[in-house]
Amino acid sequence: MTELILARHGETVWNVEKVFRGRADVNLDEVGIEQAELLGKYLGNWKLEAIYSSPIERALDTANIIARYQKVAVRIAESLTDFDYGEWQSLPEQEVKRLYPALLNEWHNNPHKVRMPGGESLEDVRKRAVEVVNGVLSRHQGNVLLVSHRVVIKVLICYLLGLDNSHFWNISQDVAGITIFNYVDGRFVLTKHNDTSHLREPQKPVLGDF
C-alpha cells in the first residue's frame, strides 16, 4: 500500500495580503516557517519513503524543513509547480476584481472553463500533477509526501476522488494543511482531508484557502 500525503506550503505575506502568487518566488513569512516546523514534527511520526516538492521557494523551503525530521532528501518535481496565473500573477485580489471582473466571475463559477490570460488552465495542472502521482506509484510502496500549492493540490484531490475540475471550489486546502490518500487495490481512498490540527501551537489563527 502507498500512502500519499499532500501538503500545502506554509504561509507567506502574499497569502495574508490576498495576492495571486503563481510562479512568483515568495518566501515563507515567520508564521509560515513555524507552520513548516510544526508540520515536520507532526509528520515525524510517519516514516516517509520519499519527499517530492515544487521547485518554488515557499514549497521547497517547507519541504526542506519537513525533511529535517526524516531520513530522506527532498526531490524536486517540476510538475508540482504552482498554477500559472499569467497576467493575474503578483496582483492583489482587489486589483483583479477591477481589471478582470468578468473573468474573475467565471473563475469563481466555472473554474474548469478558464484559461488564465498568458497562463494555464486547470486541465493543464491536472495533466502534469497526475504524471507525478503515476511516477510515485511506479517507484514507491510506502509513505510519500508531495509538497505543493493550493491550486495543484485541489486539482489533484479532484482527480484522486474521481471528480472533474468543475468541483475545484468544493474543496478547501489551507496553508500547511495536509490531505492523505491510501492507494489500495488500484483505488485511491481519502483518509484525512485538510488537516491543520498540528498548527494549533501558533498564536495567530491559521489562514484559510487563498
N, C-alpha and C. Protein backbone atom coordinates (compact mmCIF):
# COMPACT_ATOMS: atom_id res chain seq x y z
N MET A 1 0.84 -1.20 0.00
CA MET A 1 0.00 0.00 0.00
C MET A 1 0.88 1.26 0.00
N THR A 2 0.51 2.21 -0.82
CA THR A 2 1.19 3.51 -0.84
C THR A 2 0.30 4.54 -0.16
N GLU A 3 0.88 5.29 0.77
CA GLU A 3 0.14 6.38 1.39
C GLU A 3 0.66 7.68 0.80
N LEU A 4 -0.24 8.43 0.19
CA LEU A 4 0.11 9.68 -0.48
C LEU A 4 -0.32 10.85 0.39
N ILE A 5 0.66 11.63 0.86
CA ILE A 5 0.39 12.76 1.72
C ILE A 5 0.59 14.04 0.92
N LEU A 6 -0.46 14.82 0.76
CA LEU A 6 -0.40 16.08 0.02
C LEU A 6 -0.32 17.22 1.02
N ALA A 7 0.74 18.01 0.96
CA ALA A 7 0.91 19.11 1.91
C ALA A 7 1.03 20.43 1.15
N ARG A 8 0.28 21.41 1.62
CA ARG A 8 0.42 22.75 1.07
C ARG A 8 1.50 23.50 1.86
N HIS A 9 2.23 24.35 1.17
CA HIS A 9 3.30 25.12 1.82
C HIS A 9 2.75 26.01 2.93
N GLY A 10 3.66 26.51 3.77
CA GLY A 10 3.27 27.40 4.85
C GLY A 10 2.92 28.80 4.35
N GLU A 11 2.51 29.62 5.29
CA GLU A 11 2.03 30.96 5.00
C GLU A 11 3.11 31.88 4.43
N THR A 12 2.69 32.78 3.53
CA THR A 12 3.54 33.85 3.02
C THR A 12 2.80 35.18 3.20
N VAL A 13 3.53 36.27 3.06
CA VAL A 13 2.90 37.60 3.14
C VAL A 13 1.82 37.74 2.08
N TRP A 14 2.04 37.16 0.92
CA TRP A 14 1.06 37.28 -0.16
C TRP A 14 -0.21 36.50 0.13
N ASN A 15 -0.12 35.44 0.94
CA ASN A 15 -1.35 34.78 1.40
C ASN A 15 -2.14 35.73 2.29
N VAL A 16 -1.44 36.37 3.21
CA VAL A 16 -2.07 37.28 4.15
C VAL A 16 -2.72 38.44 3.41
N GLU A 17 -2.01 38.98 2.41
CA GLU A 17 -2.48 40.17 1.69
C GLU A 17 -3.39 39.83 0.51
N LYS A 18 -3.65 38.55 0.30
CA LYS A 18 -4.51 38.07 -0.80
C LYS A 18 -4.00 38.55 -2.16
N VAL A 19 -2.75 38.20 -2.43
CA VAL A 19 -2.11 38.48 -3.72
C VAL A 19 -1.94 37.15 -4.44
N PHE A 20 -2.27 37.12 -5.73
CA PHE A 20 -2.12 35.90 -6.53
C PHE A 20 -0.63 35.61 -6.73
N ARG A 21 -0.21 34.45 -6.28
CA ARG A 21 1.22 34.11 -6.25
C ARG A 21 1.71 33.46 -7.53
N GLY A 22 1.09 32.36 -7.93
CA GLY A 22 1.52 31.68 -9.14
C GLY A 22 2.98 31.27 -9.08
N ARG A 23 3.72 31.59 -10.13
CA ARG A 23 5.12 31.16 -10.24
C ARG A 23 6.09 32.11 -9.54
N ALA A 24 5.59 33.19 -8.94
CA ALA A 24 6.47 34.14 -8.25
C ALA A 24 7.07 33.47 -7.02
N ASP A 25 8.36 33.71 -6.77
CA ASP A 25 9.03 33.16 -5.60
C ASP A 25 8.79 34.07 -4.41
N VAL A 26 7.86 33.68 -3.57
CA VAL A 26 7.54 34.44 -2.37
C VAL A 26 7.97 33.60 -1.17
N ASN A 27 8.79 34.15 -0.30
CA ASN A 27 9.30 33.41 0.84
C ASN A 27 8.22 33.15 1.88
N LEU A 28 8.40 32.09 2.66
CA LEU A 28 7.59 31.89 3.85
C LEU A 28 7.80 33.06 4.80
N ASP A 29 6.72 33.50 5.44
CA ASP A 29 6.90 34.50 6.49
C ASP A 29 7.21 33.77 7.80
N GLU A 30 7.31 34.52 8.90
CA GLU A 30 7.68 33.90 10.18
C GLU A 30 6.68 32.83 10.60
N VAL A 31 5.40 33.12 10.40
CA VAL A 31 4.36 32.14 10.74
C VAL A 31 4.49 30.91 9.84
N GLY A 32 4.77 31.14 8.55
CA GLY A 32 4.91 30.03 7.61
C GLY A 32 6.06 29.11 7.98
N ILE A 33 7.16 29.69 8.44
CA ILE A 33 8.31 28.88 8.87
C ILE A 33 7.92 28.05 10.09
N GLU A 34 7.22 28.68 11.03
CA GLU A 34 6.77 27.95 12.22
C GLU A 34 5.79 26.84 11.85
N GLN A 35 4.91 27.12 10.89
CA GLN A 35 3.97 26.10 10.43
C GLN A 35 4.70 24.91 9.83
N ALA A 36 5.73 25.18 9.02
CA ALA A 36 6.51 24.10 8.41
C ALA A 36 7.20 23.26 9.48
N GLU A 37 7.71 23.92 10.51
CA GLU A 37 8.34 23.19 11.62
C GLU A 37 7.32 22.28 12.32
N LEU A 38 6.15 22.82 12.59
CA LEU A 38 5.10 22.03 13.25
C LEU A 38 4.65 20.86 12.38
N LEU A 39 4.56 21.11 11.08
CA LEU A 39 4.20 20.04 10.15
C LEU A 39 5.29 18.98 10.11
N GLY A 40 6.56 19.43 10.13
CA GLY A 40 7.67 18.49 10.15
C GLY A 40 7.64 17.60 11.39
N LYS A 41 7.38 18.21 12.54
CA LYS A 41 7.29 17.44 13.79
C LYS A 41 6.14 16.44 13.73
N TYR A 42 5.02 16.90 13.20
CA TYR A 42 3.84 16.04 13.10
C TYR A 42 4.11 14.85 12.18
N LEU A 43 4.71 15.13 11.03
CA LEU A 43 4.99 14.05 10.08
C LEU A 43 6.19 13.21 10.51
N GLY A 44 6.88 13.66 11.56
CA GLY A 44 7.96 12.84 12.11
C GLY A 44 7.45 11.50 12.61
N ASN A 45 6.14 11.42 12.87
CA ASN A 45 5.54 10.15 13.28
C ASN A 45 5.37 9.18 12.11
N TRP A 46 5.49 9.71 10.90
CA TRP A 46 5.45 8.88 9.70
C TRP A 46 6.89 8.62 9.25
N LYS A 47 7.18 7.43 8.79
CA LYS A 47 8.46 7.17 8.16
C LYS A 47 8.26 7.39 6.66
N LEU A 48 8.71 8.54 6.18
CA LEU A 48 8.50 8.87 4.77
C LEU A 48 9.54 8.17 3.90
N GLU A 49 9.05 7.53 2.86
CA GLU A 49 9.94 6.88 1.91
C GLU A 49 10.53 7.90 0.93
N ALA A 50 9.75 8.95 0.65
CA ALA A 50 10.22 9.98 -0.29
C ALA A 50 9.46 11.27 -0.04
N ILE A 51 10.13 12.39 -0.36
CA ILE A 51 9.51 13.72 -0.32
C ILE A 51 9.74 14.36 -1.68
N TYR A 52 8.66 14.75 -2.34
CA TYR A 52 8.73 15.46 -3.61
C TYR A 52 8.19 16.87 -3.39
N SER A 53 8.83 17.86 -4.01
CA SER A 53 8.39 19.24 -3.82
C SER A 53 8.38 20.02 -5.13
N SER A 54 7.46 20.96 -5.17
CA SER A 54 7.51 22.02 -6.19
C SER A 54 8.85 22.74 -6.07
N PRO A 55 9.39 23.22 -7.19
CA PRO A 55 10.65 23.96 -7.13
C PRO A 55 10.53 25.38 -6.58
N ILE A 56 9.30 25.87 -6.42
CA ILE A 56 9.10 27.24 -5.97
C ILE A 56 9.46 27.35 -4.49
N GLU A 57 10.12 28.42 -4.14
CA GLU A 57 10.79 28.54 -2.85
C GLU A 57 9.91 28.28 -1.63
N ARG A 58 8.70 28.81 -1.63
CA ARG A 58 7.85 28.64 -0.44
C ARG A 58 7.51 27.18 -0.20
N ALA A 59 7.35 26.41 -1.28
CA ALA A 59 7.09 24.98 -1.15
C ALA A 59 8.38 24.22 -0.82
N LEU A 60 9.46 24.56 -1.52
CA LEU A 60 10.73 23.87 -1.31
C LEU A 60 11.26 24.10 0.10
N ASP A 61 11.12 25.31 0.61
CA ASP A 61 11.54 25.59 1.99
C ASP A 61 10.71 24.79 2.97
N THR A 62 9.41 24.70 2.72
CA THR A 62 8.53 23.88 3.58
C THR A 62 8.99 22.42 3.56
N ALA A 63 9.26 21.91 2.36
CA ALA A 63 9.69 20.52 2.22
C ALA A 63 11.02 20.27 2.92
N ASN A 64 11.95 21.20 2.78
CA ASN A 64 13.27 21.02 3.40
C ASN A 64 13.19 21.05 4.92
N ILE A 65 12.30 21.87 5.46
CA ILE A 65 12.10 21.89 6.92
C ILE A 65 11.52 20.55 7.38
N ILE A 66 10.54 20.05 6.65
CA ILE A 66 9.95 18.74 6.98
C ILE A 66 11.01 17.64 6.91
N ALA A 67 11.88 17.74 5.91
CA ALA A 67 12.89 16.70 5.70
C ALA A 67 13.88 16.59 6.86
N ARG A 68 14.04 17.65 7.64
CA ARG A 68 14.94 17.60 8.80
C ARG A 68 14.47 16.56 9.82
N TYR A 69 13.19 16.25 9.79
CA TYR A 69 12.64 15.27 10.73
C TYR A 69 12.57 13.87 10.12
N GLN A 70 13.15 13.71 8.93
CA GLN A 70 13.11 12.44 8.22
C GLN A 70 14.53 12.03 7.82
N LYS A 71 14.64 10.86 7.23
CA LYS A 71 15.94 10.38 6.77
C LYS A 71 15.98 10.32 5.25
N VAL A 72 15.23 11.21 4.63
CA VAL A 72 15.20 11.25 3.16
C VAL A 72 15.45 12.68 2.70
N ALA A 73 16.02 12.81 1.51
CA ALA A 73 16.26 14.12 0.92
C ALA A 73 15.06 14.52 0.07
N VAL A 74 14.90 15.80 -0.13
CA VAL A 74 13.80 16.31 -0.94
C VAL A 74 14.16 16.18 -2.42
N ARG A 75 13.22 15.67 -3.20
CA ARG A 75 13.37 15.58 -4.65
C ARG A 75 12.48 16.66 -5.28
N ILE A 76 13.04 17.42 -6.19
CA ILE A 76 12.25 18.46 -6.86
C ILE A 76 11.45 17.83 -8.01
N ALA A 77 10.16 18.13 -8.04
CA ALA A 77 9.28 17.68 -9.12
C ALA A 77 8.73 18.93 -9.80
N GLU A 78 9.26 19.23 -10.97
CA GLU A 78 8.85 20.44 -11.69
C GLU A 78 7.34 20.50 -11.92
N SER A 79 6.72 19.34 -12.07
CA SER A 79 5.29 19.30 -12.37
C SER A 79 4.41 19.63 -11.17
N LEU A 80 5.02 19.78 -9.99
CA LEU A 80 4.26 20.21 -8.81
C LEU A 80 4.29 21.73 -8.65
N THR A 81 4.90 22.44 -9.60
CA THR A 81 4.98 23.90 -9.51
C THR A 81 3.59 24.52 -9.51
N ASP A 82 3.50 25.73 -9.02
CA ASP A 82 2.19 26.36 -8.84
C ASP A 82 1.53 26.69 -10.18
N PHE A 83 0.24 26.92 -10.10
CA PHE A 83 -0.59 27.33 -11.22
C PHE A 83 -0.02 28.61 -11.85
N ASP A 84 0.03 28.63 -13.16
CA ASP A 84 0.48 29.83 -13.86
C ASP A 84 -0.72 30.75 -14.04
N TYR A 85 -0.78 31.78 -13.19
CA TYR A 85 -1.89 32.74 -13.25
C TYR A 85 -1.73 33.74 -14.39
N GLY A 86 -0.62 33.69 -15.12
CA GLY A 86 -0.43 34.60 -16.23
C GLY A 86 -0.48 36.05 -15.78
N GLU A 87 -1.37 36.83 -16.38
CA GLU A 87 -1.46 38.27 -16.10
C GLU A 87 -1.96 38.58 -14.69
N TRP A 88 -2.54 37.59 -14.02
CA TRP A 88 -3.01 37.80 -12.64
C TRP A 88 -1.86 37.73 -11.63
N GLN A 89 -0.77 37.08 -12.01
CA GLN A 89 0.30 36.87 -11.05
C GLN A 89 0.81 38.19 -10.48
N SER A 90 1.00 38.21 -9.15
CA SER A 90 1.52 39.35 -8.39
C SER A 90 0.48 40.45 -8.19
N LEU A 91 -0.76 40.22 -8.64
CA LEU A 91 -1.81 41.23 -8.45
C LEU A 91 -2.63 40.91 -7.20
N PRO A 92 -2.97 41.93 -6.41
CA PRO A 92 -3.90 41.71 -5.30
C PRO A 92 -5.28 41.35 -5.84
N GLU A 93 -6.05 40.64 -5.03
CA GLU A 93 -7.38 40.22 -5.46
C GLU A 93 -8.25 41.42 -5.85
N GLN A 94 -8.16 42.51 -5.11
CA GLN A 94 -8.97 43.69 -5.42
C GLN A 94 -8.61 44.27 -6.80
N GLU A 95 -7.34 44.20 -7.16
CA GLU A 95 -6.92 44.70 -8.47
C GLU A 95 -7.43 43.80 -9.59
N VAL A 96 -7.44 42.50 -9.35
CA VAL A 96 -8.01 41.56 -10.33
C VAL A 96 -9.50 41.82 -10.50
N LYS A 97 -10.18 42.11 -9.40
CA LYS A 97 -11.62 42.43 -9.49
C LYS A 97 -11.85 43.64 -10.38
N ARG A 98 -10.95 44.61 -10.30
CA ARG A 98 -11.10 45.85 -11.08
C ARG A 98 -10.76 45.63 -12.55
N LEU A 99 -9.69 44.88 -12.82
CA LEU A 99 -9.18 44.72 -14.18
C LEU A 99 -9.85 43.60 -14.96
N TYR A 100 -10.25 42.54 -14.25
CA TYR A 100 -10.79 41.34 -14.93
C TYR A 100 -12.09 40.89 -14.27
N PRO A 101 -13.09 41.75 -14.14
CA PRO A 101 -14.31 41.37 -13.39
C PRO A 101 -15.04 40.16 -13.99
N ALA A 102 -15.16 40.12 -15.32
CA ALA A 102 -15.89 39.01 -15.95
C ALA A 102 -15.12 37.70 -15.79
N LEU A 103 -13.82 37.75 -15.99
CA LEU A 103 -13.01 36.53 -15.88
C LEU A 103 -12.97 36.04 -14.44
N LEU A 104 -12.89 36.96 -13.49
CA LEU A 104 -12.89 36.55 -12.08
C LEU A 104 -14.21 35.89 -11.72
N ASN A 105 -15.30 36.42 -12.24
CA ASN A 105 -16.61 35.81 -12.01
C ASN A 105 -16.67 34.40 -12.59
N GLU A 106 -16.12 34.25 -13.79
CA GLU A 106 -16.08 32.92 -14.43
C GLU A 106 -15.19 31.97 -13.62
N TRP A 107 -14.07 32.48 -13.12
CA TRP A 107 -13.15 31.68 -12.31
C TRP A 107 -13.86 31.15 -11.05
N HIS A 108 -14.70 31.99 -10.47
CA HIS A 108 -15.39 31.58 -9.25
C HIS A 108 -16.58 30.66 -9.53
N ASN A 109 -17.14 30.73 -10.73
CA ASN A 109 -18.33 29.94 -11.04
C ASN A 109 -18.07 28.75 -11.96
N ASN A 110 -17.13 28.89 -12.87
CA ASN A 110 -16.80 27.81 -13.82
C ASN A 110 -15.29 27.70 -13.99
N PRO A 111 -14.58 27.34 -12.93
CA PRO A 111 -13.11 27.35 -12.98
C PRO A 111 -12.54 26.44 -14.06
N HIS A 112 -13.26 25.36 -14.36
CA HIS A 112 -12.79 24.39 -15.36
C HIS A 112 -12.82 24.96 -16.78
N LYS A 113 -13.52 26.08 -16.97
CA LYS A 113 -13.62 26.67 -18.31
C LYS A 113 -12.62 27.81 -18.53
N VAL A 114 -11.86 28.14 -17.49
CA VAL A 114 -10.98 29.31 -17.55
C VAL A 114 -9.56 28.93 -17.94
N ARG A 115 -9.03 29.66 -18.90
CA ARG A 115 -7.59 29.66 -19.15
C ARG A 115 -7.10 31.06 -18.82
N MET A 116 -6.17 31.15 -17.89
CA MET A 116 -5.68 32.45 -17.48
C MET A 116 -4.98 33.16 -18.64
N PRO A 117 -5.23 34.45 -18.84
CA PRO A 117 -4.55 35.16 -19.93
C PRO A 117 -3.04 35.12 -19.72
N GLY A 118 -2.37 34.47 -20.67
CA GLY A 118 -0.93 34.30 -20.56
C GLY A 118 -0.53 33.19 -19.61
N GLY A 119 -1.50 32.37 -19.16
CA GLY A 119 -1.21 31.34 -18.17
C GLY A 119 -1.83 29.99 -18.50
N GLU A 120 -2.21 29.26 -17.46
CA GLU A 120 -2.67 27.89 -17.60
C GLU A 120 -4.18 27.75 -17.39
N SER A 121 -4.66 26.54 -17.67
CA SER A 121 -6.00 26.11 -17.29
C SER A 121 -5.84 25.03 -16.22
N LEU A 122 -6.93 24.72 -15.53
CA LEU A 122 -6.88 23.65 -14.53
C LEU A 122 -6.56 22.31 -15.16
N GLU A 123 -6.96 22.12 -16.41
CA GLU A 123 -6.66 20.86 -17.09
C GLU A 123 -5.15 20.72 -17.32
N ASP A 124 -4.48 21.83 -17.61
CA ASP A 124 -3.02 21.79 -17.73
C ASP A 124 -2.39 21.31 -16.43
N VAL A 125 -2.88 21.85 -15.32
CA VAL A 125 -2.37 21.46 -14.00
C VAL A 125 -2.63 19.99 -13.74
N ARG A 126 -3.83 19.56 -14.07
CA ARG A 126 -4.22 18.16 -13.82
C ARG A 126 -3.29 17.20 -14.54
N LYS A 127 -3.01 17.47 -15.80
CA LYS A 127 -2.16 16.57 -16.58
C LYS A 127 -0.78 16.41 -15.97
N ARG A 128 -0.18 17.52 -15.56
CA ARG A 128 1.19 17.42 -15.04
C ARG A 128 1.21 16.85 -13.62
N ALA A 129 0.21 17.18 -12.81
CA ALA A 129 0.18 16.66 -11.44
C ALA A 129 -0.08 15.16 -11.41
N VAL A 130 -0.94 14.69 -12.29
CA VAL A 130 -1.23 13.25 -12.37
C VAL A 130 0.02 12.47 -12.78
N GLU A 131 0.84 13.06 -13.64
CA GLU A 131 2.09 12.40 -14.02
C GLU A 131 2.98 12.16 -12.81
N VAL A 132 3.01 13.12 -11.89
CA VAL A 132 3.80 12.95 -10.67
C VAL A 132 3.28 11.78 -9.85
N VAL A 133 1.96 11.73 -9.67
CA VAL A 133 1.36 10.65 -8.88
C VAL A 133 1.64 9.29 -9.53
N ASN A 134 1.49 9.20 -10.83
CA ASN A 134 1.77 7.94 -11.51
C ASN A 134 3.22 7.52 -11.33
N GLY A 135 4.13 8.49 -11.36
CA GLY A 135 5.54 8.19 -11.15
C GLY A 135 5.79 7.71 -9.74
N VAL A 136 5.13 8.32 -8.76
CA VAL A 136 5.27 7.90 -7.37
C VAL A 136 4.80 6.45 -7.20
N LEU A 137 3.66 6.13 -7.77
CA LEU A 137 3.12 4.78 -7.63
C LEU A 137 4.01 3.73 -8.28
N SER A 138 4.72 4.12 -9.32
CA SER A 138 5.60 3.16 -10.00
C SER A 138 6.91 2.94 -9.25
N ARG A 139 7.24 3.88 -8.35
CA ARG A 139 8.54 3.80 -7.66
C ARG A 139 8.47 3.47 -6.18
N HIS A 140 7.32 3.72 -5.54
CA HIS A 140 7.27 3.62 -4.09
C HIS A 140 6.10 2.77 -3.60
N GLN A 141 6.30 2.17 -2.42
CA GLN A 141 5.26 1.36 -1.79
C GLN A 141 4.85 1.91 -0.42
N GLY A 142 5.64 2.85 0.13
CA GLY A 142 5.38 3.33 1.48
C GLY A 142 4.71 4.68 1.52
N ASN A 143 5.12 5.50 2.50
CA ASN A 143 4.55 6.83 2.68
C ASN A 143 5.32 7.86 1.87
N VAL A 144 4.62 8.59 1.03
CA VAL A 144 5.26 9.57 0.15
C VAL A 144 4.58 10.92 0.34
N LEU A 145 5.41 11.96 0.52
CA LEU A 145 4.91 13.32 0.71
C LEU A 145 5.11 14.15 -0.55
N LEU A 146 4.04 14.83 -0.98
CA LEU A 146 4.12 15.79 -2.08
C LEU A 146 3.84 17.17 -1.50
N VAL A 147 4.79 18.10 -1.63
CA VAL A 147 4.61 19.46 -1.12
C VAL A 147 4.37 20.38 -2.31
N SER A 148 3.21 21.03 -2.31
CA SER A 148 2.85 21.83 -3.48
C SER A 148 2.01 23.03 -3.06
N HIS A 149 1.09 23.42 -3.93
CA HIS A 149 0.36 24.68 -3.81
C HIS A 149 -1.14 24.44 -3.86
N ARG A 150 -1.88 25.46 -3.47
CA ARG A 150 -3.34 25.35 -3.34
C ARG A 150 -4.00 24.78 -4.60
N VAL A 151 -3.77 25.42 -5.73
CA VAL A 151 -4.47 25.00 -6.96
C VAL A 151 -4.07 23.59 -7.35
N VAL A 152 -2.79 23.31 -7.30
CA VAL A 152 -2.30 21.98 -7.70
C VAL A 152 -2.92 20.90 -6.82
N ILE A 153 -2.91 21.12 -5.52
CA ILE A 153 -3.43 20.10 -4.60
C ILE A 153 -4.93 19.92 -4.77
N LYS A 154 -5.66 21.02 -4.94
CA LYS A 154 -7.11 20.91 -5.10
C LYS A 154 -7.47 20.16 -6.39
N VAL A 155 -6.75 20.45 -7.47
CA VAL A 155 -6.98 19.74 -8.73
C VAL A 155 -6.65 18.25 -8.56
N LEU A 156 -5.57 17.98 -7.87
CA LEU A 156 -5.15 16.59 -7.65
C LEU A 156 -6.17 15.84 -6.80
N ILE A 157 -6.70 16.49 -5.78
CA ILE A 157 -7.72 15.86 -4.95
C ILE A 157 -8.95 15.52 -5.80
N CYS A 158 -9.35 16.44 -6.67
CA CYS A 158 -10.47 16.15 -7.58
C CYS A 158 -10.20 14.88 -8.37
N TYR A 159 -9.01 14.81 -8.94
CA TYR A 159 -8.65 13.64 -9.75
C TYR A 159 -8.69 12.36 -8.92
N LEU A 160 -8.08 12.38 -7.75
CA LEU A 160 -7.99 11.18 -6.92
C LEU A 160 -9.36 10.72 -6.42
N LEU A 161 -10.30 11.66 -6.32
CA LEU A 161 -11.67 11.32 -5.91
C LEU A 161 -12.56 10.96 -7.10
N GLY A 162 -12.03 11.06 -8.31
CA GLY A 162 -12.83 10.76 -9.49
C GLY A 162 -13.75 11.89 -9.90
N LEU A 163 -13.40 13.12 -9.50
CA LEU A 163 -14.21 14.29 -9.84
C LEU A 163 -13.54 15.09 -10.94
N ASP A 164 -14.33 15.80 -11.74
CA ASP A 164 -13.72 16.65 -12.75
C ASP A 164 -13.39 18.01 -12.14
N ASN A 165 -12.74 18.86 -12.94
CA ASN A 165 -12.25 20.14 -12.41
C ASN A 165 -13.35 21.14 -12.06
N SER A 166 -14.58 20.86 -12.46
CA SER A 166 -15.67 21.77 -12.11
C SER A 166 -15.93 21.78 -10.60
N HIS A 167 -15.39 20.77 -9.90
CA HIS A 167 -15.58 20.66 -8.45
C HIS A 167 -14.48 21.35 -7.66
N PHE A 168 -13.65 22.14 -8.35
CA PHE A 168 -12.49 22.79 -7.73
C PHE A 168 -12.86 23.55 -6.46
N TRP A 169 -13.95 24.31 -6.51
CA TRP A 169 -14.32 25.14 -5.35
C TRP A 169 -15.07 24.36 -4.27
N ASN A 170 -15.33 23.08 -4.52
CA ASN A 170 -15.94 22.23 -3.48
C ASN A 170 -14.89 21.71 -2.50
N ILE A 171 -13.64 22.04 -2.75
CA ILE A 171 -12.53 21.53 -1.94
C ILE A 171 -11.75 22.70 -1.37
N SER A 172 -11.39 22.59 -0.11
CA SER A 172 -10.55 23.60 0.54
C SER A 172 -9.21 22.98 0.92
N GLN A 173 -8.14 23.75 0.80
CA GLN A 173 -6.82 23.29 1.22
C GLN A 173 -6.07 24.47 1.81
N ASP A 174 -6.00 24.51 3.14
CA ASP A 174 -5.42 25.65 3.84
C ASP A 174 -3.90 25.61 3.85
N VAL A 175 -3.27 26.74 4.15
CA VAL A 175 -1.81 26.77 4.23
C VAL A 175 -1.33 25.77 5.27
N ALA A 176 -0.32 24.99 4.90
CA ALA A 176 0.29 23.96 5.75
C ALA A 176 -0.67 22.85 6.15
N GLY A 177 -1.81 22.76 5.45
CA GLY A 177 -2.73 21.66 5.70
C GLY A 177 -2.32 20.43 4.91
N ILE A 178 -2.70 19.26 5.41
CA ILE A 178 -2.37 18.02 4.69
C ILE A 178 -3.64 17.22 4.38
N THR A 179 -3.59 16.55 3.25
CA THR A 179 -4.65 15.64 2.82
C THR A 179 -3.98 14.31 2.48
N ILE A 180 -4.58 13.21 2.94
CA ILE A 180 -3.93 11.91 2.80
C ILE A 180 -4.84 10.93 2.07
N PHE A 181 -4.26 10.23 1.10
CA PHE A 181 -4.93 9.15 0.39
C PHE A 181 -4.12 7.87 0.55
N ASN A 182 -4.81 6.76 0.72
CA ASN A 182 -4.18 5.45 0.61
C ASN A 182 -4.49 4.90 -0.78
N TYR A 183 -3.47 4.30 -1.40
CA TYR A 183 -3.69 3.65 -2.69
C TYR A 183 -3.74 2.14 -2.43
N VAL A 184 -4.95 1.58 -2.52
CA VAL A 184 -5.17 0.18 -2.19
C VAL A 184 -5.97 -0.49 -3.29
N ASP A 185 -5.46 -1.61 -3.79
CA ASP A 185 -6.18 -2.38 -4.81
C ASP A 185 -6.60 -1.52 -5.99
N GLY A 186 -5.70 -0.66 -6.43
CA GLY A 186 -5.96 0.15 -7.62
C GLY A 186 -6.91 1.31 -7.39
N ARG A 187 -7.14 1.66 -6.13
CA ARG A 187 -8.11 2.72 -5.81
C ARG A 187 -7.51 3.69 -4.79
N PHE A 188 -7.78 4.98 -4.99
CA PHE A 188 -7.37 5.99 -4.01
C PHE A 188 -8.48 6.18 -2.98
N VAL A 189 -8.12 6.05 -1.72
CA VAL A 189 -9.09 6.18 -0.63
C VAL A 189 -8.69 7.37 0.24
N LEU A 190 -9.58 8.35 0.36
CA LEU A 190 -9.31 9.52 1.18
C LEU A 190 -9.42 9.14 2.65
N THR A 191 -8.35 9.37 3.42
CA THR A 191 -8.36 9.03 4.84
C THR A 191 -8.27 10.26 5.75
N LYS A 192 -7.80 11.38 5.21
CA LYS A 192 -7.69 12.61 6.00
C LYS A 192 -7.72 13.78 5.03
N HIS A 193 -8.48 14.83 5.38
CA HIS A 193 -8.54 15.97 4.46
C HIS A 193 -8.32 17.29 5.17
N ASN A 194 -7.44 18.11 4.60
CA ASN A 194 -7.17 19.47 5.05
C ASN A 194 -6.94 19.53 6.56
N ASP A 195 -6.14 18.60 7.05
CA ASP A 195 -5.84 18.53 8.48
C ASP A 195 -4.85 19.64 8.84
N THR A 196 -5.25 20.50 9.77
CA THR A 196 -4.35 21.55 10.28
C THR A 196 -4.22 21.44 11.81
N SER A 197 -4.54 20.27 12.35
CA SER A 197 -4.51 20.10 13.81
C SER A 197 -3.11 20.32 14.37
N HIS A 198 -2.09 20.08 13.56
CA HIS A 198 -0.70 20.25 14.00
C HIS A 198 -0.31 21.72 14.14
N LEU A 199 -1.17 22.63 13.69
CA LEU A 199 -0.85 24.06 13.70
C LEU A 199 -1.47 24.80 14.87
N ARG A 200 -1.96 24.10 15.83
CA ARG A 200 -2.66 24.77 16.93
C ARG A 200 -1.74 25.54 17.85
N GLU A 201 -0.43 25.28 17.77
CA GLU A 201 0.51 25.98 18.64
C GLU A 201 0.70 27.46 18.29
N PRO A 202 0.70 27.86 16.99
CA PRO A 202 0.90 29.28 16.70
C PRO A 202 -0.15 30.16 17.37
N GLN A 203 0.21 31.38 17.71
CA GLN A 203 -0.68 32.27 18.44
C GLN A 203 -1.73 32.91 17.55
N LYS A 204 -1.45 33.03 16.24
CA LYS A 204 -2.43 33.65 15.37
C LYS A 204 -3.23 32.60 14.63
N PRO A 205 -4.47 32.91 14.20
CA PRO A 205 -5.31 31.94 13.51
C PRO A 205 -4.64 31.49 12.20
N VAL A 206 -4.92 30.25 11.81
CA VAL A 206 -4.41 29.72 10.56
C VAL A 206 -5.20 30.32 9.40
N LEU A 207 -4.48 30.80 8.39
CA LEU A 207 -5.17 31.38 7.22
C LEU A 207 -5.91 30.30 6.47
N GLY A 208 -6.98 30.69 5.84
CA GLY A 208 -7.80 29.76 5.07
C GLY A 208 -7.30 29.59 3.64
N ASP A 209 -8.25 29.30 2.78
CA ASP A 209 -7.96 28.85 1.42
C ASP A 209 -7.85 30.03 0.46
N PHE A 210 -6.70 30.73 0.50
CA PHE A 210 -6.39 31.70 -0.56
C PHE A 210 -4.92 31.61 -0.87
